Protein backbone atom coordinates (compact mmCIF):
# COMPACT_ATOMS: atom_id res chain seq x y z
CA MET A 1 -4.47 -22.46 13.97
CA PRO A 2 -0.71 -21.91 14.10
CA ILE A 3 0.99 -19.88 11.32
CA THR A 4 3.43 -22.52 10.14
CA ALA A 5 4.33 -20.54 7.07
CA ASN A 6 6.29 -18.14 9.25
CA ASP A 7 8.85 -20.68 10.43
CA THR A 8 12.12 -18.77 10.03
CA LYS A 9 14.12 -22.13 9.72
CA ARG A 10 12.16 -23.15 6.63
CA LYS A 11 14.01 -23.00 3.28
CA SER A 12 12.55 -23.23 -0.20
CA TRP A 13 13.72 -25.41 -3.03
CA ILE A 14 13.17 -22.24 -5.24
CA GLU A 15 16.25 -20.06 -5.18
CA VAL A 16 15.80 -16.85 -3.19
CA PRO A 17 18.44 -14.12 -3.73
CA GLU A 18 20.04 -12.58 -0.66
CA ASN A 19 18.06 -9.71 0.81
CA SER A 20 15.04 -10.65 -1.38
CA ASP A 21 11.65 -9.12 -0.18
CA PHE A 22 10.06 -12.52 -1.05
CA PRO A 23 11.47 -15.40 1.02
CA ILE A 24 9.30 -18.42 1.62
CA GLN A 25 8.16 -16.85 4.87
CA ASN A 26 6.43 -14.01 2.92
CA ILE A 27 4.01 -15.73 0.38
CA PRO A 28 2.16 -12.61 -0.72
CA PHE A 29 -0.82 -12.68 -3.00
CA GLY A 30 -1.34 -10.97 -6.29
CA VAL A 31 -2.73 -11.30 -9.97
CA PHE A 32 -0.61 -11.57 -12.98
CA LEU A 33 -0.84 -12.14 -16.79
CA THR A 34 1.31 -15.10 -17.93
CA LYS A 35 3.28 -15.27 -21.14
CA GLU A 36 0.44 -17.34 -22.66
CA ASN A 37 -1.86 -14.33 -21.92
CA VAL A 38 -3.68 -16.18 -19.03
CA VAL A 39 -4.70 -14.04 -16.03
CA THR A 40 -4.33 -15.94 -12.80
CA VAL A 41 -4.02 -15.48 -8.95
CA GLY A 42 -0.52 -16.05 -7.88
CA THR A 43 2.20 -15.72 -5.23
CA ARG A 44 5.93 -15.08 -5.31
CA ILE A 45 8.95 -16.68 -3.91
CA GLY A 46 12.32 -15.01 -4.75
CA ASP A 47 12.16 -14.05 -8.42
CA SER A 48 9.62 -16.68 -9.31
CA ALA A 49 5.94 -16.05 -9.87
CA ILE A 50 3.78 -18.97 -8.88
CA ASP A 51 0.43 -19.70 -10.62
CA LEU A 52 -2.03 -20.68 -7.87
CA GLY A 53 -4.82 -21.36 -10.45
CA ALA A 54 -2.50 -24.12 -11.98
CA LEU A 55 -1.54 -25.29 -8.51
CA GLN A 56 -5.20 -25.74 -7.59
CA GLN A 57 -6.14 -27.54 -10.81
CA LEU A 58 -3.40 -29.99 -10.35
CA GLY A 59 -4.70 -30.90 -6.87
CA TYR A 60 -2.18 -29.28 -4.50
CA PHE A 61 -4.87 -27.71 -2.35
CA SER A 62 -6.84 -30.93 -1.75
CA GLY A 63 -8.37 -31.04 1.74
CA ILE A 64 -8.91 -27.25 1.82
CA GLU A 65 -12.44 -26.08 1.12
CA LEU A 66 -12.11 -23.84 -1.96
CA THR A 67 -14.48 -23.21 -4.85
CA ASP A 68 -13.22 -24.94 -8.10
CA ASP A 69 -12.36 -21.54 -9.66
CA MET A 70 -10.95 -19.73 -6.57
CA PHE A 71 -7.59 -18.95 -8.10
CA ILE A 72 -8.60 -19.06 -11.80
CA GLN A 73 -9.82 -15.46 -11.66
CA ASP A 74 -8.60 -11.98 -12.37
CA THR A 75 -8.97 -10.66 -8.82
CA LEU A 76 -8.42 -11.87 -5.25
CA ASN A 77 -11.92 -10.71 -4.04
CA ASP A 78 -13.45 -14.17 -3.68
CA PHE A 79 -10.38 -15.50 -1.89
CA ILE A 80 -10.37 -12.56 0.51
CA SER A 81 -14.10 -13.03 1.09
CA ASP A 82 -13.40 -16.61 2.41
CA GLY A 83 -11.87 -15.07 5.54
CA LYS A 84 -8.97 -15.53 7.81
CA LYS A 85 -9.11 -19.22 8.43
CA THR A 86 -8.87 -19.99 4.59
CA TRP A 87 -6.11 -17.38 4.11
CA ARG A 88 -3.99 -19.15 6.71
CA LEU A 89 -4.70 -22.66 5.51
CA VAL A 90 -3.73 -21.64 1.87
CA ARG A 91 -0.63 -19.81 2.97
CA ASN A 92 0.51 -22.68 5.27
CA ARG A 93 -0.11 -25.07 2.43
CA ILE A 94 1.91 -23.02 -0.09
CA ALA A 95 4.84 -22.90 2.37
CA ASP A 96 4.72 -26.77 2.65
CA ILE A 97 4.60 -27.25 -1.10
CA PHE A 98 7.75 -25.14 -1.69
CA ASP A 99 9.66 -26.42 1.38
CA GLN A 100 13.01 -27.76 0.33
CA ASN A 101 12.25 -31.07 1.97
CA ASN A 102 8.92 -31.64 0.11
CA PRO A 103 9.56 -33.63 -3.14
CA LYS A 104 5.97 -33.62 -4.53
CA LEU A 105 6.31 -30.60 -6.75
CA ARG A 106 10.04 -30.18 -6.46
CA ASP A 107 10.65 -33.34 -8.40
CA ASN A 108 7.80 -33.05 -10.86
CA ALA A 109 9.36 -31.24 -13.87
CA GLY A 110 6.09 -31.33 -15.84
CA HIS A 111 4.05 -29.61 -13.15
CA LYS A 112 6.72 -27.06 -12.41
CA ASP A 113 6.76 -25.91 -16.03
CA ILE A 114 3.00 -25.19 -15.76
CA ILE A 115 3.15 -23.56 -12.32
CA ILE A 116 6.36 -21.48 -12.06
CA PHE A 117 7.33 -18.54 -14.12
CA LYS A 118 10.24 -16.13 -13.99
CA ILE A 119 9.01 -12.80 -12.55
CA ASP A 120 10.05 -10.87 -15.68
CA GLU A 121 7.88 -13.25 -17.83
CA VAL A 122 4.61 -12.09 -16.07
CA GLU A 123 2.71 -8.70 -16.14
CA MET A 124 1.37 -7.73 -12.77
CA GLN A 125 -2.29 -6.54 -12.53
CA LEU A 126 -4.31 -4.83 -9.81
CA PRO A 127 -4.68 -7.57 -7.22
CA VAL A 128 -8.31 -6.79 -6.21
CA LEU A 129 -11.41 -5.15 -7.68
CA ILE A 130 -11.45 -2.11 -5.39
CA GLY A 131 -15.02 -1.14 -4.90
CA ASP A 132 -14.37 1.60 -2.37
CA TYR A 133 -11.25 3.52 -1.41
CA THR A 134 -10.89 5.63 1.74
CA ASP A 135 -7.73 7.68 2.48
CA PHE A 136 -6.90 8.64 6.03
CA TYR A 137 -4.86 11.39 7.46
CA SER A 138 -3.22 9.51 10.35
CA SER A 139 0.33 10.68 10.79
CA LYS A 140 0.45 13.24 13.55
CA ILE A 141 3.85 14.60 12.26
CA HIS A 142 2.52 14.96 8.76
CA ALA A 143 -0.70 16.69 9.80
CA SER A 144 1.36 18.99 12.16
CA ASN A 145 3.73 19.96 9.42
CA VAL A 146 0.93 20.68 6.96
CA GLY A 147 -0.94 22.61 9.62
CA LYS A 148 2.05 24.71 10.45
CA MET A 149 2.32 25.76 6.72
CA ILE A 150 -1.36 26.50 6.35
CA ARG A 151 -2.03 28.07 9.81
CA ASN A 152 0.66 28.38 12.47
CA GLU A 153 2.49 26.24 14.98
CA GLU A 154 0.00 26.91 17.83
CA ASN A 155 -2.98 25.85 15.64
CA ALA A 156 -1.24 23.22 13.56
CA LEU A 157 -3.74 20.44 14.49
CA LEU A 158 -7.48 21.10 14.33
CA PRO A 159 -9.35 20.17 17.48
CA ASN A 160 -10.99 16.98 16.00
CA TRP A 161 -7.66 15.56 14.78
CA PRO A 162 -6.43 13.99 18.08
CA GLN A 163 -9.92 12.65 18.71
CA MET A 164 -10.53 10.42 15.77
CA PRO A 165 -8.98 9.16 12.50
CA ILE A 166 -9.68 11.74 9.81
CA GLY A 167 -10.41 10.52 6.33
CA TYR A 168 -12.07 11.06 2.97
CA HIS A 169 -13.45 8.93 0.20
CA GLY A 170 -11.28 8.60 -2.88
CA ARG A 171 -11.81 7.37 -6.38
CA SER A 172 -11.25 3.70 -7.08
CA SER A 173 -11.39 4.13 -10.92
CA THR A 174 -8.00 5.67 -11.01
CA ILE A 175 -6.07 3.23 -8.78
CA ILE A 176 -3.34 1.71 -10.73
CA PRO A 177 -0.62 -0.95 -10.27
CA SER A 178 3.07 -0.21 -10.32
CA GLY A 179 4.63 0.58 -13.69
CA ILE A 180 1.65 2.52 -15.10
CA PRO A 181 2.59 6.17 -15.82
CA VAL A 182 0.55 9.10 -14.64
CA HIS A 183 -0.30 12.22 -16.55
CA ARG A 184 0.18 15.68 -14.99
CA PRO A 185 -3.46 16.72 -14.21
CA ILE A 186 -5.23 19.93 -15.44
CA GLY A 187 -7.52 21.77 -13.09
CA GLN A 188 -8.37 25.03 -11.39
CA SER A 189 -5.90 26.80 -9.11
CA LEU A 190 -5.29 30.28 -7.77
CA PRO A 191 -2.06 31.93 -8.74
CA PRO A 192 -0.10 33.44 -5.83
CA GLU A 193 -0.44 36.95 -7.25
CA GLY A 194 -4.03 36.63 -8.40
CA LEU A 195 -7.60 36.94 -7.20
CA THR A 196 -9.04 35.02 -10.10
CA PRO A 197 -8.54 31.28 -10.59
CA VAL A 198 -6.91 29.89 -13.78
CA PHE A 199 -7.48 26.51 -15.46
CA GLY A 200 -4.37 24.72 -16.68
CA ALA A 201 -1.80 22.04 -15.81
CA SER A 202 -0.90 21.68 -12.22
CA ARG A 203 2.48 23.19 -11.41
CA LEU A 204 2.85 21.48 -7.98
CA ILE A 205 2.75 17.68 -8.37
CA ASP A 206 3.61 15.74 -5.22
CA PHE A 207 3.89 12.17 -3.99
CA GLU A 208 2.59 10.95 -0.64
CA LEU A 209 4.32 8.06 0.91
CA GLU A 210 1.54 5.75 2.19
CA MET A 211 0.55 2.23 2.92
CA ALA A 212 -2.94 0.69 2.48
CA PHE A 213 -4.72 -2.17 3.89
CA ILE A 214 -7.27 -4.42 2.05
CA THR A 215 -10.36 -5.59 3.79
CA THR A 216 -12.65 -8.73 3.61
CA ASP A 217 -16.37 -8.51 4.08
CA ALA A 218 -16.53 -6.91 7.42
CA ASN A 219 -20.15 -6.08 8.58
CA VAL A 220 -23.68 -5.60 7.53
CA MET A 221 -25.06 -2.12 6.99
CA GLY A 222 -25.68 -0.52 10.41
CA GLU A 223 -23.14 -2.62 12.28
CA MET A 224 -19.90 -1.28 13.84
CA ILE A 225 -16.81 -3.48 13.97
CA PRO A 226 -15.51 -3.58 17.55
CA ILE A 227 -11.93 -2.47 18.01
CA ASN A 228 -10.84 -5.82 19.35
CA GLU A 229 -12.20 -7.58 16.20
CA ALA A 230 -11.03 -5.15 13.62
CA GLU A 231 -7.88 -6.92 12.55
CA ASP A 232 -9.72 -10.11 11.72
CA TYR A 233 -11.07 -8.22 8.73
CA ILE A 234 -7.77 -6.99 7.32
CA PHE A 235 -6.27 -9.27 4.61
CA GLY A 236 -2.98 -7.55 4.04
CA MET A 237 -1.14 -4.38 3.06
CA VAL A 238 0.38 -2.75 -0.02
CA LEU A 239 2.54 0.38 -0.69
CA LEU A 240 0.61 3.37 -1.92
CA ASN A 241 1.59 6.58 -3.62
CA ASP A 242 -1.13 9.14 -3.26
CA TRP A 243 -0.38 11.49 -6.09
CA THR A 244 -1.41 15.03 -5.24
CA ALA A 245 -1.72 18.42 -7.09
CA ARG A 246 -0.95 20.82 -4.34
CA ASP A 247 -1.97 24.00 -6.17
CA ILE A 248 -5.35 22.44 -7.17
CA GLN A 249 -5.69 21.14 -3.59
CA LYS A 250 -5.10 24.49 -2.06
CA TRP A 251 -7.85 26.19 -4.09
CA GLU A 252 -10.51 23.38 -3.82
CA TYR A 253 -10.09 21.80 -0.38
CA MET A 254 -12.25 24.25 1.57
CA PRO A 255 -14.82 23.36 2.84
CA LEU A 256 -15.14 19.67 1.85
CA GLY A 257 -11.56 18.52 1.51
CA PRO A 258 -9.57 16.99 -1.39
CA PHE A 259 -11.31 16.21 -4.66
CA LEU A 260 -9.72 16.60 -8.15
CA SER A 261 -6.26 17.24 -6.54
CA LYS A 262 -6.18 13.65 -5.46
CA ASN A 263 -8.44 11.50 -7.59
CA PHE A 264 -6.46 11.67 -10.82
CA ALA A 265 -4.15 8.86 -9.78
CA THR A 266 -3.31 6.51 -6.86
CA SER A 267 -0.49 3.96 -7.45
CA ILE A 268 -0.14 0.79 -5.45
CA SER A 269 2.30 -2.12 -5.33
CA PRO A 270 1.00 -5.36 -6.89
CA TRP A 271 1.69 -7.90 -4.09
CA ILE A 272 -0.51 -7.95 -1.01
CA VAL A 273 1.60 -8.88 2.06
CA THR A 274 -0.72 -10.68 4.52
CA MET A 275 -1.12 -9.58 8.12
CA ASP A 276 0.05 -13.15 9.11
CA ALA A 277 3.36 -12.51 7.30
CA LEU A 278 3.75 -9.21 9.16
CA GLU A 279 3.06 -10.76 12.63
CA PRO A 280 6.65 -10.92 13.76
CA PHE A 281 7.05 -7.14 13.23
CA ARG A 282 4.44 -5.82 15.58
CA VAL A 283 5.49 -2.82 17.81
CA ALA A 284 3.76 -0.48 20.12
CA SER A 285 2.08 2.59 18.63
CA PRO A 286 2.93 6.17 19.63
CA LYS A 287 1.25 7.19 22.77
CA GLN A 288 -2.16 8.81 22.23
CA ASN A 289 -2.93 11.99 24.16
CA PRO A 290 -5.67 12.68 24.89
CA SER A 291 -6.86 9.12 25.33
CA PRO A 292 -9.35 8.15 22.50
CA LEU A 293 -13.01 7.67 23.33
CA PRO A 294 -13.73 4.09 24.57
CA TYR A 295 -14.74 2.69 21.13
CA LEU A 296 -11.24 3.45 19.84
CA GLN A 297 -9.26 2.29 22.83
CA GLN A 298 -7.08 -0.77 22.35
CA LYS A 299 -4.41 -2.66 24.29
CA GLY A 300 -1.31 -4.46 22.91
CA ARG A 301 0.93 -3.79 19.95
CA HIS A 302 -0.94 -2.79 16.78
CA ALA A 303 1.65 -0.92 14.82
CA PHE A 304 4.18 -2.46 12.49
CA ASP A 305 7.85 -1.85 12.07
CA ILE A 306 8.02 -1.31 8.21
CA ASN A 307 10.94 0.50 6.69
CA LEU A 308 10.01 2.81 3.92
CA GLU A 309 11.86 4.89 1.29
CA VAL A 310 11.02 7.20 -1.67
CA SER A 311 13.35 7.92 -4.61
CA ILE A 312 13.09 10.41 -7.53
CA GLN A 313 14.62 9.41 -10.81
CA PRO A 314 14.86 12.03 -13.54
CA GLU A 315 14.69 10.62 -17.11
CA LYS A 316 18.07 9.14 -18.18
CA SER A 317 19.54 9.66 -14.82
CA GLU A 318 20.09 7.80 -11.61
CA PRO A 319 17.58 7.69 -8.71
CA THR A 320 18.06 9.83 -5.51
CA ILE A 321 16.52 8.60 -2.19
CA VAL A 322 14.72 11.69 -0.88
CA SER A 323 12.97 10.15 2.14
CA LYS A 324 13.35 7.28 4.60
CA SER A 325 10.41 6.72 7.00
CA ASN A 326 8.72 3.98 8.90
CA PHE A 327 5.00 2.90 9.19
CA LYS A 328 5.43 2.59 12.98
CA HIS A 329 5.23 6.40 13.35
CA MET A 330 1.48 6.41 12.50
CA TYR A 331 -0.58 7.93 15.30
CA TRP A 332 -3.90 6.19 14.40
CA THR A 333 -3.64 2.40 13.79
CA MET A 334 -5.36 0.35 11.09
CA ASN A 335 -7.69 -1.13 13.68
CA GLN A 336 -8.78 2.26 14.78
CA GLN A 337 -9.26 3.41 11.22
CA LEU A 338 -11.46 0.49 10.41
CA THR A 339 -13.52 0.66 13.61
CA HIS A 340 -14.08 4.38 13.17
CA HIS A 341 -14.90 3.88 9.53
CA THR A 342 -17.68 1.48 10.52
CA SER A 343 -18.79 3.32 13.64
CA ASN A 344 -21.75 4.91 11.86
CA GLY A 345 -22.80 1.64 10.26
CA CYS A 346 -20.95 2.06 7.00
CA ARG A 347 -20.57 -1.27 5.23
CA VAL A 348 -17.07 -2.54 4.33
CA ASN A 349 -16.64 -5.18 1.58
CA SER A 350 -14.06 -7.54 0.34
CA GLY A 351 -11.47 -5.69 -1.69
CA ASP A 352 -12.02 -2.27 -0.13
CA MET A 353 -8.80 -0.30 0.27
CA MET A 354 -7.96 2.07 3.17
CA GLY A 355 -4.94 4.35 2.76
CA SER A 356 -2.93 5.53 5.68
CA GLY A 357 -2.23 9.07 4.73
CA ALA A 358 1.25 10.41 4.24
CA ILE A 359 3.79 8.66 6.63
CA SER A 360 6.13 11.23 8.10
CA GLY A 361 8.84 10.44 10.60
CA PRO A 362 10.35 12.78 13.25
CA THR A 363 13.37 14.06 11.14
CA GLU A 364 13.38 16.29 8.04
CA ASP A 365 14.69 13.38 5.88
CA SER A 366 11.81 11.15 6.91
CA TYR A 367 8.93 13.38 5.76
CA GLY A 368 6.38 11.58 3.50
CA SER A 369 5.85 14.31 0.83
CA MET A 370 7.65 16.86 -1.18
CA LEU A 371 5.43 19.52 0.42
CA GLU A 372 7.21 18.76 3.69
CA LEU A 373 10.65 17.82 2.34
CA THR A 374 10.99 21.22 0.67
CA TRP A 375 8.71 23.02 3.10
CA GLY A 376 6.39 24.24 0.47
CA GLY A 377 9.11 24.82 -2.04
CA GLU A 378 11.18 26.98 0.13
CA LYS A 379 13.99 24.49 0.51
CA PRO A 380 14.60 22.65 -2.87
CA LEU A 381 16.04 19.16 -2.74
CA LYS A 382 19.32 18.53 -4.62
CA LEU A 383 19.33 15.28 -6.61
CA ASN A 384 22.36 13.17 -7.44
CA ASP A 385 22.44 14.55 -11.10
CA GLY A 386 22.87 18.05 -9.63
CA SER A 387 19.33 19.15 -10.53
CA GLU A 388 16.94 20.47 -7.95
CA ARG A 389 13.31 19.72 -7.15
CA LYS A 390 10.64 21.77 -5.26
CA PHE A 391 8.00 19.33 -6.53
CA ILE A 392 7.97 16.53 -9.25
CA ASN A 393 8.95 17.34 -12.77
CA ASP A 394 7.55 15.75 -15.94
CA ASN A 395 9.35 12.47 -16.78
CA ASP A 396 10.47 11.96 -13.17
CA THR A 397 9.91 8.43 -11.90
CA ILE A 398 8.76 8.07 -8.20
CA THR A 399 9.54 4.78 -6.54
CA LEU A 400 8.35 3.67 -3.08
CA LYS A 401 9.90 0.63 -1.35
CA GLY A 402 9.05 -0.99 1.94
CA PHE A 403 10.35 -4.02 4.00
CA CYS A 404 10.41 -5.37 7.56
CA GLU A 405 13.62 -7.01 8.92
CA ASN A 406 14.80 -8.67 12.10
CA SER A 407 17.69 -10.94 12.80
CA GLN A 408 15.97 -13.98 11.26
CA VAL A 409 13.93 -12.82 8.25
CA ARG A 410 13.18 -9.95 5.84
CA ILE A 411 9.52 -9.54 4.53
CA GLY A 412 9.11 -6.93 1.81
CA PHE A 413 6.54 -5.32 -0.41
CA GLY A 414 8.65 -4.95 -3.56
CA GLU A 415 8.04 -1.48 -4.96
CA VAL A 416 5.48 0.86 -6.52
CA SER A 417 7.07 2.82 -9.30
CA SER A 418 5.40 5.36 -11.58
CA LYS A 419 6.63 7.93 -14.16
CA LEU A 420 5.00 11.37 -14.33
CA LEU A 421 4.13 12.31 -17.94
CA PRO A 422 3.09 15.70 -19.31
CA PRO A 423 -0.74 16.41 -19.49
CA PHE A 424 -2.68 14.12 -21.59
CA VAL A 425 -3.21 15.28 -25.19
CA ARG A 426 -6.18 13.90 -27.08
CA LYS A 427 -5.26 12.81 -30.59
């Protein structure tokens, strides 16, 4: 089935600002609360939020096999469960409905009042009920930088790292959408000068610039997803900020890896950009040496050229861009991550989320964390207001943005933006 929604010659009758992340060729999926306090599944074109529940009730998806309440829900899980054919049919239909040459909705003022909202009139929600969350460690540059700081240059990567995607299971209960603030966590850490741990507020809060993919129901327990089929089970992608308490992490991570240093908060962007929308931006992955074992070997272009940036904004001040990176630098691809995840028979469900791990590029200004950008605090960053940062201060706002662009179209993710607050105080 062709992806007609990607036609770069198509224009919408909804106004789309120049350099918008959301032209008619994007058509992401999300969930929002309307001004009437109704929660609905929706999409976005330009600065307009579109109520897909209302669109369905008014008959605009006739001919596509959907349950009557498919979009009148507070999550996308059921829609994602329907699979790739349904995703493509719905996305193609939405593109047709909002094509400038289609008068059916364009010229129906009554329907438009019910279906279309200004983006600032809605409140974005988590797009899916995330049952399970796995975070990978798939940037060779990031893993090497961290390894150099912990060990030395000769032993930066552990022997297993080049052989398989390394990951750990995170906590879905603290995944939050953009705009929700995060409290500085409290936990155990070992002071640099001490031999006895202390319990208190983390001093070294960091961001990690990541992306994540959302899966559909992929397998039954015991079944591995073959590498050449893995992408069929990936619905789309979001931006992800993997908040990290570096001092807590340093004390707790041996021998089982991250725990409380990571699971206090994970922020994601609210619009899921589909793999169909990202199709024009495929690129080759970095060469893998040594060659992976046969079950992880793949041919073709399975990386995506997604420009990424991170900014820090102190309270009552302007933001400073501190990192510019690109998703194409990832050593292990999403397909390899999903295949490896299921290689032992682990079941993957609709709405599960898989984080990429910090995305670091080859230059110092493209590193994906403060740990790397300041090299463990040895090289503080200077912000536009003259202040310096080794790590993140209370009341700083961290914003991640991402977009793909070629000579014909720009497809973006919007942003994930969260403010760091002081430790939670129980009243």
